[in-house]
Amino acid sequence: MKLNTQLAKEMREIGATFTLGNLDQRFQGLLHQLEVDGICVRDADCPPIITKELWLKAQLVVIQKLARGVKL
């Protein structure tokens, strides 16, 4: 949620727009940093419940709502 809030701020303050590819890079970067910092450990991959594309689209909706000031 912290990353979504940061991205919403970028969207609101500088008019940033995000493609699903941009969002994927940002979230992959966050997950990598969490691993590097020892906050989480990646285990064996499991079959996804939803596709990555659908998950990223849902995150984009949340980011857009936050950018408009909608409380979640």
N, C-alpha and C. Protein backbone atom coordinates (compact mmCIF):
# COMPACT_ATOMS: atom_id res chain seq x y z
N MET A 1 0.83 -1.19 0.00
CA MET A 1 0.00 0.00 0.00
C MET A 1 0.87 1.25 0.00
N LYS A 2 2.03 1.14 0.65
CA LYS A 2 2.95 2.28 0.70
C LYS A 2 3.41 2.65 -0.71
N LEU A 3 3.73 1.63 -1.53
CA LEU A 3 4.15 1.92 -2.90
C LEU A 3 2.98 2.50 -3.69
N ASN A 4 1.78 1.97 -3.51
CA ASN A 4 0.61 2.53 -4.20
C ASN A 4 0.42 4.00 -3.85
N THR A 5 0.60 4.33 -2.58
CA THR A 5 0.46 5.71 -2.14
C THR A 5 1.52 6.60 -2.78
N GLN A 6 2.74 6.09 -2.83
CA GLN A 6 3.84 6.85 -3.46
C GLN A 6 3.56 7.07 -4.95
N LEU A 7 3.09 6.04 -5.63
CA LEU A 7 2.80 6.17 -7.06
C LEU A 7 1.63 7.12 -7.30
N ALA A 8 0.64 7.09 -6.42
CA ALA A 8 -0.49 8.02 -6.52
C ALA A 8 -0.01 9.45 -6.36
N LYS A 9 0.92 9.67 -5.45
CA LYS A 9 1.48 11.00 -5.24
C LYS A 9 2.20 11.49 -6.50
N GLU A 10 2.96 10.60 -7.13
CA GLU A 10 3.63 10.94 -8.39
C GLU A 10 2.61 11.29 -9.46
N MET A 11 1.54 10.51 -9.51
CA MET A 11 0.49 10.74 -10.49
C MET A 11 -0.16 12.11 -10.27
N ARG A 12 -0.45 12.42 -9.03
CA ARG A 12 -1.13 13.66 -8.68
C ARG A 12 -0.21 14.88 -8.84
N GLU A 13 1.01 14.78 -8.35
CA GLU A 13 1.89 15.94 -8.30
C GLU A 13 2.62 16.25 -9.60
N ILE A 14 3.01 15.21 -10.33
CA ILE A 14 3.76 15.48 -11.56
C ILE A 14 3.07 14.96 -12.82
N GLY A 15 1.84 14.45 -12.63
CA GLY A 15 1.09 13.97 -13.78
C GLY A 15 1.63 12.68 -14.37
N ALA A 16 2.32 11.89 -13.55
CA ALA A 16 2.88 10.63 -14.04
C ALA A 16 1.76 9.70 -14.49
N THR A 17 2.04 8.94 -15.51
CA THR A 17 1.13 7.89 -15.96
C THR A 17 1.90 6.58 -15.90
N PHE A 18 1.21 5.51 -15.67
CA PHE A 18 1.86 4.21 -15.52
C PHE A 18 1.23 3.19 -16.44
N THR A 19 2.08 2.47 -17.14
CA THR A 19 1.62 1.32 -17.91
C THR A 19 1.73 0.11 -16.99
N LEU A 20 1.14 -0.99 -17.41
CA LEU A 20 1.26 -2.21 -16.62
C LEU A 20 2.72 -2.63 -16.53
N GLY A 21 3.48 -2.38 -17.59
CA GLY A 21 4.91 -2.69 -17.58
C GLY A 21 5.66 -1.86 -16.55
N ASN A 22 5.33 -0.56 -16.48
CA ASN A 22 5.95 0.32 -15.48
C ASN A 22 5.64 -0.19 -14.07
N LEU A 23 4.38 -0.50 -13.85
CA LEU A 23 3.97 -0.98 -12.52
C LEU A 23 4.66 -2.29 -12.18
N ASP A 24 4.76 -3.18 -13.14
CA ASP A 24 5.43 -4.46 -12.91
C ASP A 24 6.87 -4.21 -12.47
N GLN A 25 7.56 -3.31 -13.15
CA GLN A 25 8.95 -2.99 -12.78
C GLN A 25 9.03 -2.44 -11.36
N ARG A 26 8.12 -1.55 -11.01
CA ARG A 26 8.15 -0.95 -9.68
C ARG A 26 7.87 -1.98 -8.58
N PHE A 27 6.88 -2.84 -8.80
CA PHE A 27 6.56 -3.85 -7.80
C PHE A 27 7.65 -4.93 -7.73
N GLN A 28 8.22 -5.31 -8.86
CA GLN A 28 9.33 -6.27 -8.84
C GLN A 28 10.52 -5.68 -8.09
N GLY A 29 10.78 -4.38 -8.30
CA GLY A 29 11.85 -3.70 -7.60
C GLY A 29 11.62 -3.70 -6.09
N LEU A 30 10.37 -3.44 -5.69
CA LEU A 30 10.03 -3.45 -4.28
C LEU A 30 10.26 -4.84 -3.68
N LEU A 31 9.78 -5.88 -4.36
CA LEU A 31 9.96 -7.24 -3.86
C LEU A 31 11.44 -7.60 -3.76
N HIS A 32 12.22 -7.20 -4.75
CA HIS A 32 13.67 -7.45 -4.71
C HIS A 32 14.31 -6.75 -3.51
N GLN A 33 13.94 -5.49 -3.29
CA GLN A 33 14.50 -4.73 -2.17
C GLN A 33 14.12 -5.36 -0.83
N LEU A 34 12.89 -5.84 -0.72
CA LEU A 34 12.47 -6.51 0.51
C LEU A 34 13.30 -7.77 0.77
N GLU A 35 13.64 -8.49 -0.30
CA GLU A 35 14.50 -9.66 -0.16
C GLU A 35 15.92 -9.26 0.26
N VAL A 36 16.46 -8.25 -0.41
CA VAL A 36 17.82 -7.77 -0.10
C VAL A 36 17.92 -7.31 1.35
N ASP A 37 16.88 -6.63 1.82
CA ASP A 37 16.86 -6.11 3.19
C ASP A 37 16.57 -7.20 4.22
N GLY A 38 16.27 -8.42 3.76
CA GLY A 38 15.99 -9.52 4.67
C GLY A 38 14.60 -9.47 5.29
N ILE A 39 13.74 -8.65 4.71
CA ILE A 39 12.37 -8.52 5.24
C ILE A 39 11.52 -9.71 4.81
N CYS A 40 11.79 -10.24 3.64
CA CYS A 40 11.06 -11.42 3.19
C CYS A 40 12.00 -12.34 2.41
N VAL A 41 11.58 -13.57 2.26
CA VAL A 41 12.34 -14.57 1.54
C VAL A 41 11.43 -15.16 0.48
N ARG A 42 11.95 -15.27 -0.72
CA ARG A 42 11.15 -15.86 -1.80
C ARG A 42 11.31 -17.37 -1.76
N ASP A 43 10.21 -18.05 -1.78
CA ASP A 43 10.19 -19.51 -1.74
C ASP A 43 9.84 -20.01 -3.14
N ALA A 44 9.50 -21.26 -3.24
CA ALA A 44 9.13 -21.84 -4.54
C ALA A 44 7.88 -21.16 -5.07
N ASP A 45 7.85 -20.95 -6.38
CA ASP A 45 6.68 -20.36 -7.01
C ASP A 45 5.50 -21.33 -6.93
N CYS A 46 4.33 -20.77 -6.72
CA CYS A 46 3.09 -21.53 -6.70
C CYS A 46 2.22 -21.05 -7.86
N PRO A 47 1.26 -21.85 -8.28
CA PRO A 47 0.37 -21.39 -9.35
C PRO A 47 -0.38 -20.14 -8.90
N PRO A 48 -0.48 -19.14 -9.76
CA PRO A 48 -1.17 -17.90 -9.37
C PRO A 48 -2.68 -18.10 -9.26
N ILE A 49 -3.27 -17.33 -8.36
CA ILE A 49 -4.72 -17.34 -8.22
C ILE A 49 -5.34 -16.48 -9.32
N ILE A 50 -4.69 -15.34 -9.61
CA ILE A 50 -5.10 -14.48 -10.72
C ILE A 50 -3.86 -14.18 -11.55
N THR A 51 -4.06 -13.73 -12.77
CA THR A 51 -2.92 -13.41 -13.63
C THR A 51 -2.21 -12.15 -13.14
N LYS A 52 -0.95 -12.04 -13.49
CA LYS A 52 -0.20 -10.84 -13.13
C LYS A 52 -0.86 -9.61 -13.73
N GLU A 53 -1.33 -9.72 -14.96
CA GLU A 53 -1.98 -8.58 -15.63
C GLU A 53 -3.20 -8.11 -14.84
N LEU A 54 -4.02 -9.02 -14.40
CA LEU A 54 -5.21 -8.66 -13.63
C LEU A 54 -4.83 -8.01 -12.31
N TRP A 55 -3.81 -8.55 -11.64
CA TRP A 55 -3.35 -7.98 -10.37
C TRP A 55 -2.82 -6.56 -10.58
N LEU A 56 -2.02 -6.37 -11.65
CA LEU A 56 -1.48 -5.04 -11.93
C LEU A 56 -2.60 -4.05 -12.27
N LYS A 57 -3.61 -4.51 -13.00
CA LYS A 57 -4.75 -3.63 -13.31
C LYS A 57 -5.47 -3.22 -12.03
N ALA A 58 -5.61 -4.14 -11.10
CA ALA A 58 -6.26 -3.81 -9.83
C ALA A 58 -5.43 -2.78 -9.06
N GLN A 59 -4.11 -2.93 -9.08
CA GLN A 59 -3.24 -1.97 -8.41
C GLN A 59 -3.36 -0.59 -9.06
N LEU A 60 -3.44 -0.57 -10.38
CA LEU A 60 -3.58 0.70 -11.09
C LEU A 60 -4.88 1.41 -10.71
N VAL A 61 -5.96 0.67 -10.56
CA VAL A 61 -7.23 1.25 -10.13
C VAL A 61 -7.08 1.88 -8.74
N VAL A 62 -6.42 1.17 -7.83
CA VAL A 62 -6.20 1.69 -6.48
C VAL A 62 -5.36 2.97 -6.54
N ILE A 63 -4.30 2.95 -7.33
CA ILE A 63 -3.42 4.11 -7.46
C ILE A 63 -4.19 5.31 -8.01
N GLN A 64 -5.01 5.08 -9.02
CA GLN A 64 -5.80 6.16 -9.60
C GLN A 64 -6.79 6.73 -8.58
N LYS A 65 -7.41 5.87 -7.79
CA LYS A 65 -8.33 6.35 -6.76
C LYS A 65 -7.60 7.17 -5.71
N LEU A 66 -6.45 6.68 -5.27
CA LEU A 66 -5.66 7.42 -4.29
C LEU A 66 -5.23 8.78 -4.84
N ALA A 67 -4.87 8.83 -6.11
CA ALA A 67 -4.46 10.08 -6.74
C ALA A 67 -5.60 11.08 -6.77
N ARG A 68 -6.84 10.59 -6.85
CA ARG A 68 -8.02 11.47 -6.84
C ARG A 68 -8.48 11.81 -5.43
N GLY A 69 -7.81 11.24 -4.42
CA GLY A 69 -8.16 11.54 -3.05
C GLY A 69 -9.22 10.66 -2.43
N VAL A 70 -9.54 9.57 -3.10
CA VAL A 70 -10.53 8.63 -2.57
C VAL A 70 -9.91 7.87 -1.41
N LYS A 71 -10.60 7.84 -0.28
CA LYS A 71 -10.13 7.07 0.89
C LYS A 71 -10.45 5.61 0.70
N LEU A 72 -9.47 4.77 0.95
CA LEU A 72 -9.68 3.33 0.81
C LEU A 72 -9.78 2.67 2.16
